[in-house]
Amino acid sequence: MDDELELMGAYVAGVIDATGSISVQVKKDSSRLVGYAIVPTIQIKKNDPRIIHVLDNWAQEHDVFASIRETDTTTTFIITKREDLETFLRSVRPFVIVKSDPIEITLHEILPRLDDGAASTKEGFVELMKYVDMVRDQSGPSSRHKYDKSYFEEEWAAEI
């Protein structure tokens, strides 16, 4: 059984490397002290739902909850809950090649800072945005975001 799980881990990593998106959303959130939230996410969208179901089964074997959204043409596997995201990324990390940098930044910089409450102060939020921008840079130059480190440095210049 352990060999089978390890083999499936390599398969899941291949799917992530080929088509997975490791991203960090920044959105307005009036319930947060600074008015914004940082939400790390992994998302995999496929035309063939069988692949998503393999991912979901593997995630469940690792006690990870993922959302699955289906349309007429695609099925999407999404993890946004921090604990589940961390467990999933740590489980698949040994097998990932292409997306290893965003995984490392998410696991070692973003998630620990979020857990420590860094996003609850403007100074901490700006510091976190440095790592958010690093993950986004891994997605390529075509990914443009309104909320980046520079935006918050300008927005809060008088306060930090």
C-alpha atoms as a PDB file:
ATOM      1  CA  MET A   1       0.000   0.000   0.000  1.00  0.00           C
ATOM      2  CA  ASP A   2       2.822   2.442   0.815  1.00  0.00           C
ATOM      3  CA  ASP A   3       4.481   1.785  -2.558  1.00  0.00           C
ATOM      4  CA  GLU A   4       1.165   2.420  -4.287  1.00  0.00           C
ATOM      5  CA  LEU A   5       0.694   5.719  -2.405  1.00  0.00           C
ATOM      6  CA  GLU A   6       4.235   6.771  -3.305  1.00  0.00           C
ATOM      7  CA  LEU A   7       3.632   5.923  -6.958  1.00  0.00           C
ATOM      8  CA  MET A   8       0.395   7.924  -6.861  1.00  0.00           C
ATOM      9  CA  GLY A   9       2.311  10.800  -5.240  1.00  0.00           C
ATOM     10  CA  ALA A  10       4.614  10.848  -8.251  1.00  0.00           C
ATOM     11  CA  TYR A  11       1.576  10.827 -10.569  1.00  0.00           C
ATOM     12  CA  VAL A  12      -0.052  13.712  -8.645  1.00  0.00           C
ATOM     13  CA  ALA A  13       3.221  15.651  -8.774  1.00  0.00           C
ATOM     14  CA  GLY A  14       3.364  15.146 -12.534  1.00  0.00           C
ATOM     15  CA  VAL A  15      -0.153  16.528 -12.899  1.00  0.00           C
ATOM     16  CA  ILE A  16       0.809  19.519 -10.737  1.00  0.00           C
ATOM     17  CA  ASP A  17       4.001  20.128 -12.706  1.00  0.00           C
ATOM     18  CA  ALA A  18       2.172  19.888 -16.023  1.00  0.00           C
ATOM     19  CA  THR A  19      -1.084  21.717 -15.331  1.00  0.00           C
ATOM     20  CA  GLY A  20      -1.318  22.738 -11.680  1.00  0.00           C
ATOM     21  CA  SER A  21      -1.531  26.308 -10.527  1.00  0.00           C
ATOM     22  CA  ILE A  22       0.001  27.289  -7.214  1.00  0.00           C
ATOM     23  CA  SER A  23      -1.162  30.809  -6.617  1.00  0.00           C
ATOM     24  CA  VAL A  24      -1.770  33.353  -3.910  1.00  0.00           C
ATOM     25  CA  GLN A  25      -4.850  35.517  -4.088  1.00  0.00           C
ATOM     26  CA  VAL A  26      -5.042  38.884  -2.401  1.00  0.00           C
ATOM     27  CA  LYS A  27      -8.506  40.237  -1.918  1.00  0.00           C
ATOM     28  CA  LYS A  28     -10.361  42.871   0.016  1.00  0.00           C
ATOM     29  CA  ASP A  29     -11.784  41.502   3.255  1.00  0.00           C
ATOM     30  CA  SER A  30     -13.437  43.895   5.679  1.00  0.00           C
ATOM     31  CA  SER A  31     -13.276  41.303   8.465  1.00  0.00           C
ATOM     32  CA  ARG A  32      -9.447  41.528   8.524  1.00  0.00           C
ATOM     33  CA  LEU A  33      -7.580  44.151  10.546  1.00  0.00           C
ATOM     34  CA  VAL A  34      -5.806  45.529   7.475  1.00  0.00           C
ATOM     35  CA  GLY A  35      -8.845  45.152   5.191  1.00  0.00           C
ATOM     36  CA  TYR A  36      -7.232  42.521   2.935  1.00  0.00           C
ATOM     37  CA  ALA A  37      -6.647  38.760   3.000  1.00  0.00           C
ATOM     38  CA  ILE A  38      -3.895  36.597   1.534  1.00  0.00           C
ATOM     39  CA  VAL A  39      -5.171  33.197   0.338  1.00  0.00           C
ATOM     40  CA  PRO A  40      -2.706  30.598  -0.974  1.00  0.00           C
ATOM     41  CA  THR A  41      -4.364  28.126  -3.345  1.00  0.00           C
ATOM     42  CA  ILE A  42      -3.644  25.124  -5.492  1.00  0.00           C
ATOM     43  CA  GLN A  43      -5.900  24.589  -8.468  1.00  0.00           C
ATOM     44  CA  ILE A  44      -5.898  21.964 -11.185  1.00  0.00           C
ATOM     45  CA  LYS A  45      -8.386  22.135 -14.055  1.00  0.00           C
ATOM     46  CA  LYS A  46      -8.780  19.229 -16.443  1.00  0.00           C
ATOM     47  CA  ASN A  47     -11.091  18.249 -19.259  1.00  0.00           C
ATOM     48  CA  ASP A  48     -11.014  14.634 -18.128  1.00  0.00           C
ATOM     49  CA  PRO A  49     -12.688  14.280 -14.706  1.00  0.00           C
ATOM     50  CA  ARG A  50     -10.967  10.935 -14.094  1.00  0.00           C
ATOM     51  CA  ILE A  51      -7.686  12.744 -13.443  1.00  0.00           C
ATOM     52  CA  ILE A  52      -9.347  15.013 -10.869  1.00  0.00           C
ATOM     53  CA  HIS A  53     -10.891  12.015  -9.134  1.00  0.00           C
ATOM     54  CA  VAL A  54      -7.456  10.370  -8.871  1.00  0.00           C
ATOM     55  CA  LEU A  55      -6.136  13.589  -7.289  1.00  0.00           C
ATOM     56  CA  ASP A  56      -9.083  13.753  -4.919  1.00  0.00           C
ATOM     57  CA  ASN A  57      -8.669  10.121  -3.856  1.00  0.00           C
ATOM     58  CA  TRP A  58      -4.961  10.703  -3.214  1.00  0.00           C
ATOM     59  CA  ALA A  59      -5.753  13.844  -1.223  1.00  0.00           C
ATOM     60  CA  GLN A  60      -8.311  11.979   0.879  1.00  0.00           C
ATOM     61  CA  GLU A  61      -5.713   9.288   1.631  1.00  0.00           C
ATOM     62  CA  HIS A  62      -3.647  12.142   3.118  1.00  0.00           C
ATOM     63  CA  ASP A  63      -6.613  13.591   5.075  1.00  0.00           C
ATOM     64  CA  VAL A  64      -6.836  16.606   2.769  1.00  0.00           C
ATOM     65  CA  PHE A  65     -10.149  18.166   1.799  1.00  0.00           C
ATOM     66  CA  ALA A  66     -10.392  19.622  -1.712  1.00  0.00           C
ATOM     67  CA  SER A  67     -13.283  21.279  -3.479  1.00  0.00           C
ATOM     68  CA  ILE A  68     -14.255  19.933  -6.862  1.00  0.00           C
ATOM     69  CA  ARG A  69     -16.133  22.126  -9.308  1.00  0.00           C
ATOM     70  CA  GLU A  70     -17.599  20.700 -12.470  1.00  0.00           C
ATOM     71  CA  THR A  71     -18.831  22.423 -15.597  1.00  0.00           C
ATOM     72  CA  ASP A  72     -19.937  20.907 -18.885  1.00  0.00           C
ATOM     73  CA  THR A  73     -16.342  20.871 -20.154  1.00  0.00           C
ATOM     74  CA  THR A  74     -13.977  20.932 -17.154  1.00  0.00           C
ATOM     75  CA  THR A  75     -13.483  19.606 -13.668  1.00  0.00           C
ATOM     76  CA  THR A  76     -11.434  21.653 -11.197  1.00  0.00           C
ATOM     77  CA  PHE A  77      -9.663  20.496  -8.043  1.00  0.00           C
ATOM     78  CA  ILE A  78      -9.086  23.326  -5.534  1.00  0.00           C
ATOM     79  CA  ILE A  79      -7.495  23.540  -2.091  1.00  0.00           C
ATOM     80  CA  THR A  80      -7.628  26.836  -0.198  1.00  0.00           C
ATOM     81  CA  LYS A  81      -7.833  25.840   3.474  1.00  0.00           C
ATOM     82  CA  ARG A  82      -4.357  26.475   4.870  1.00  0.00           C
ATOM     83  CA  GLU A  83      -3.993  23.240   6.846  1.00  0.00           C
ATOM     84  CA  ASP A  84      -5.118  21.138   3.891  1.00  0.00           C
ATOM     85  CA  LEU A  85      -2.903  23.068   1.494  1.00  0.00           C
ATOM     86  CA  GLU A  86       0.123  22.580   3.717  1.00  0.00           C
ATOM     87  CA  THR A  87      -0.518  18.842   4.147  1.00  0.00           C
ATOM     88  CA  PHE A  88      -1.061  18.390   0.413  1.00  0.00           C
ATOM     89  CA  LEU A  89       2.040  20.354  -0.598  1.00  0.00           C
ATOM     90  CA  ARG A  90       4.257  18.600   1.965  1.00  0.00           C
ATOM     91  CA  SER A  91       3.012  15.199   0.771  1.00  0.00           C
ATOM     92  CA  VAL A  92       3.618  15.875  -2.912  1.00  0.00           C
ATOM     93  CA  ARG A  93       6.745  18.053  -2.552  1.00  0.00           C
ATOM     94  CA  PRO A  94       9.339  15.240  -2.817  1.00  0.00           C
ATOM     95  CA  PHE A  95       8.049  14.406  -6.306  1.00  0.00           C
ATOM     96  CA  VAL A  96       7.488  17.883  -7.794  1.00  0.00           C
ATOM     97  CA  ILE A  97      10.119  19.257 -10.181  1.00  0.00           C
ATOM     98  CA  VAL A  98       8.788  22.185 -12.239  1.00  0.00           C
ATOM     99  CA  LYS A  99       6.681  23.840  -9.521  1.00  0.00           C
ATOM    100  CA  SER A 100       9.139  23.244  -6.672  1.00  0.00           C
ATOM    101  CA  ASP A 101       9.994  26.943  -6.147  1.00  0.00           C
ATOM    102  CA  PRO A 102       6.414  28.142  -5.588  1.00  0.00           C
ATOM    103  CA  ILE A 103       5.807  25.166  -3.300  1.00  0.00           C
ATOM    104  CA  GLU A 104       8.926  25.934  -1.257  1.00  0.00           C
ATOM    105  CA  ILE A 105       8.033  29.632  -0.953  1.00  0.00           C
ATOM    106  CA  THR A 106       4.478  28.776   0.042  1.00  0.00           C
ATOM    107  CA  LEU A 107       5.541  26.156   2.598  1.00  0.00           C
ATOM    108  CA  HIS A 108       8.503  27.955   4.137  1.00  0.00           C
ATOM    109  CA  GLU A 109       7.669  31.636   3.837  1.00  0.00           C
ATOM    110  CA  ILE A 110       3.975  32.354   3.262  1.00  0.00           C
ATOM    111  CA  LEU A 111       2.159  29.753   5.363  1.00  0.00           C
ATOM    112  CA  PRO A 112       4.329  30.172   8.485  1.00  0.00           C
ATOM    113  CA  ARG A 113       3.955  33.957   8.356  1.00  0.00           C
ATOM    114  CA  LEU A 114       0.200  33.665   7.915  1.00  0.00           C
ATOM    115  CA  ASP A 115       0.069  31.261  10.860  1.00  0.00           C
ATOM    116  CA  ASP A 116       2.081  33.720  12.963  1.00  0.00           C
ATOM    117  CA  GLY A 117      -0.390  36.514  12.171  1.00  0.00           C
ATOM    118  CA  ALA A 118       1.945  38.613  10.014  1.00  0.00           C
ATOM    119  CA  ALA A 119      -0.955  39.575   7.737  1.00  0.00           C
ATOM    120  CA  SER A 120      -2.735  41.299  10.624  1.00  0.00           C
ATOM    121  CA  THR A 121      -0.411  44.319  10.548  1.00  0.00           C
ATOM    122  CA  LYS A 122       0.309  46.540   7.584  1.00  0.00           C
ATOM    123  CA  GLU A 123       4.067  46.084   7.995  1.00  0.00           C
ATOM    124  CA  GLY A 124       3.710  42.301   8.133  1.00  0.00           C
ATOM    125  CA  PHE A 125       1.324  42.299   5.202  1.00  0.00           C
ATOM    126  CA  VAL A 126       3.800  44.230   3.032  1.00  0.00           C
ATOM    127  CA  GLU A 127       6.574  41.816   4.056  1.00  0.00           C
ATOM    128  CA  LEU A 128       4.347  38.871   3.116  1.00  0.00           C
ATOM    129  CA  MET A 129       3.604  40.459  -0.245  1.00  0.00           C
ATOM    130  CA  LYS A 130       7.279  40.058  -1.166  1.00  0.00           C
ATOM    131  CA  TYR A 131       6.765  36.280  -1.066  1.00  0.00           C
ATOM    132  CA  VAL A 132       3.355  36.485  -2.727  1.00  0.00           C
ATOM    133  CA  ASP A 133       4.999  38.327  -5.620  1.00  0.00           C
ATOM    134  CA  MET A 134       7.714  35.636  -5.803  1.00  0.00           C
ATOM    135  CA  VAL A 135       5.102  32.894  -6.196  1.00  0.00           C
ATOM    136  CA  ARG A 136       3.293  34.969  -8.798  1.00  0.00           C
ATOM    137  CA  ASP A 137       6.538  35.569 -10.712  1.00  0.00           C
ATOM    138  CA  GLN A 138       6.859  31.783 -11.066  1.00  0.00           C
ATOM    139  CA  SER A 139       3.580  31.866 -13.020  1.00  0.00           C
ATOM    140  CA  GLY A 140       5.238  33.905 -15.736  1.00  0.00           C
ATOM    141  CA  PRO A 141       5.150  37.495 -16.929  1.00  0.00           C
ATOM    142  CA  SER A 142       1.586  37.250 -18.193  1.00  0.00           C
ATOM    143  CA  SER A 143       0.161  37.132 -14.677  1.00  0.00           C
ATOM    144  CA  ARG A 144      -0.646  40.701 -13.667  1.00  0.00           C
ATOM    145  CA  HIS A 145      -2.208  41.533 -10.344  1.00  0.00           C
ATOM    146  CA  LYS A 146      -3.631  44.759  -8.980  1.00  0.00           C
ATOM    147  CA  TYR A 147      -2.485  43.932  -5.471  1.00  0.00           C
ATOM    148  CA  ASP A 148       1.260  43.505  -5.281  1.00  0.00           C
ATOM    149  CA  LYS A 149       3.915  44.658  -2.804  1.00  0.00           C
ATOM    150  CA  SER A 150       4.274  48.039  -4.526  1.00  0.00           C
ATOM    151  CA  TYR A 151       0.534  48.662  -4.328  1.00  0.00           C
ATOM    152  CA  PHE A 152       0.502  48.244  -0.549  1.00  0.00           C
ATOM    153  CA  GLU A 153       3.737  50.192  -0.046  1.00  0.00           C
ATOM    154  CA  GLU A 154       2.103  53.133  -1.843  1.00  0.00           C
ATOM    155  CA  GLU A 155      -1.317  52.619  -0.248  1.00  0.00           C
ATOM    156  CA  TRP A 156       0.067  52.560   3.289  1.00  0.00           C
ATOM    157  CA  ALA A 157       3.164  54.768   2.790  1.00  0.00           C
ATOM    158  CA  ALA A 158       2.160  57.203   5.537  1.00  0.00           C
ATOM    159  CA  GLU A 159       1.376  54.420   8.004  1.00  0.00           C
ATOM    160  CA  ILE A 160       4.351  52.055   7.728  1.00  0.00           C
END
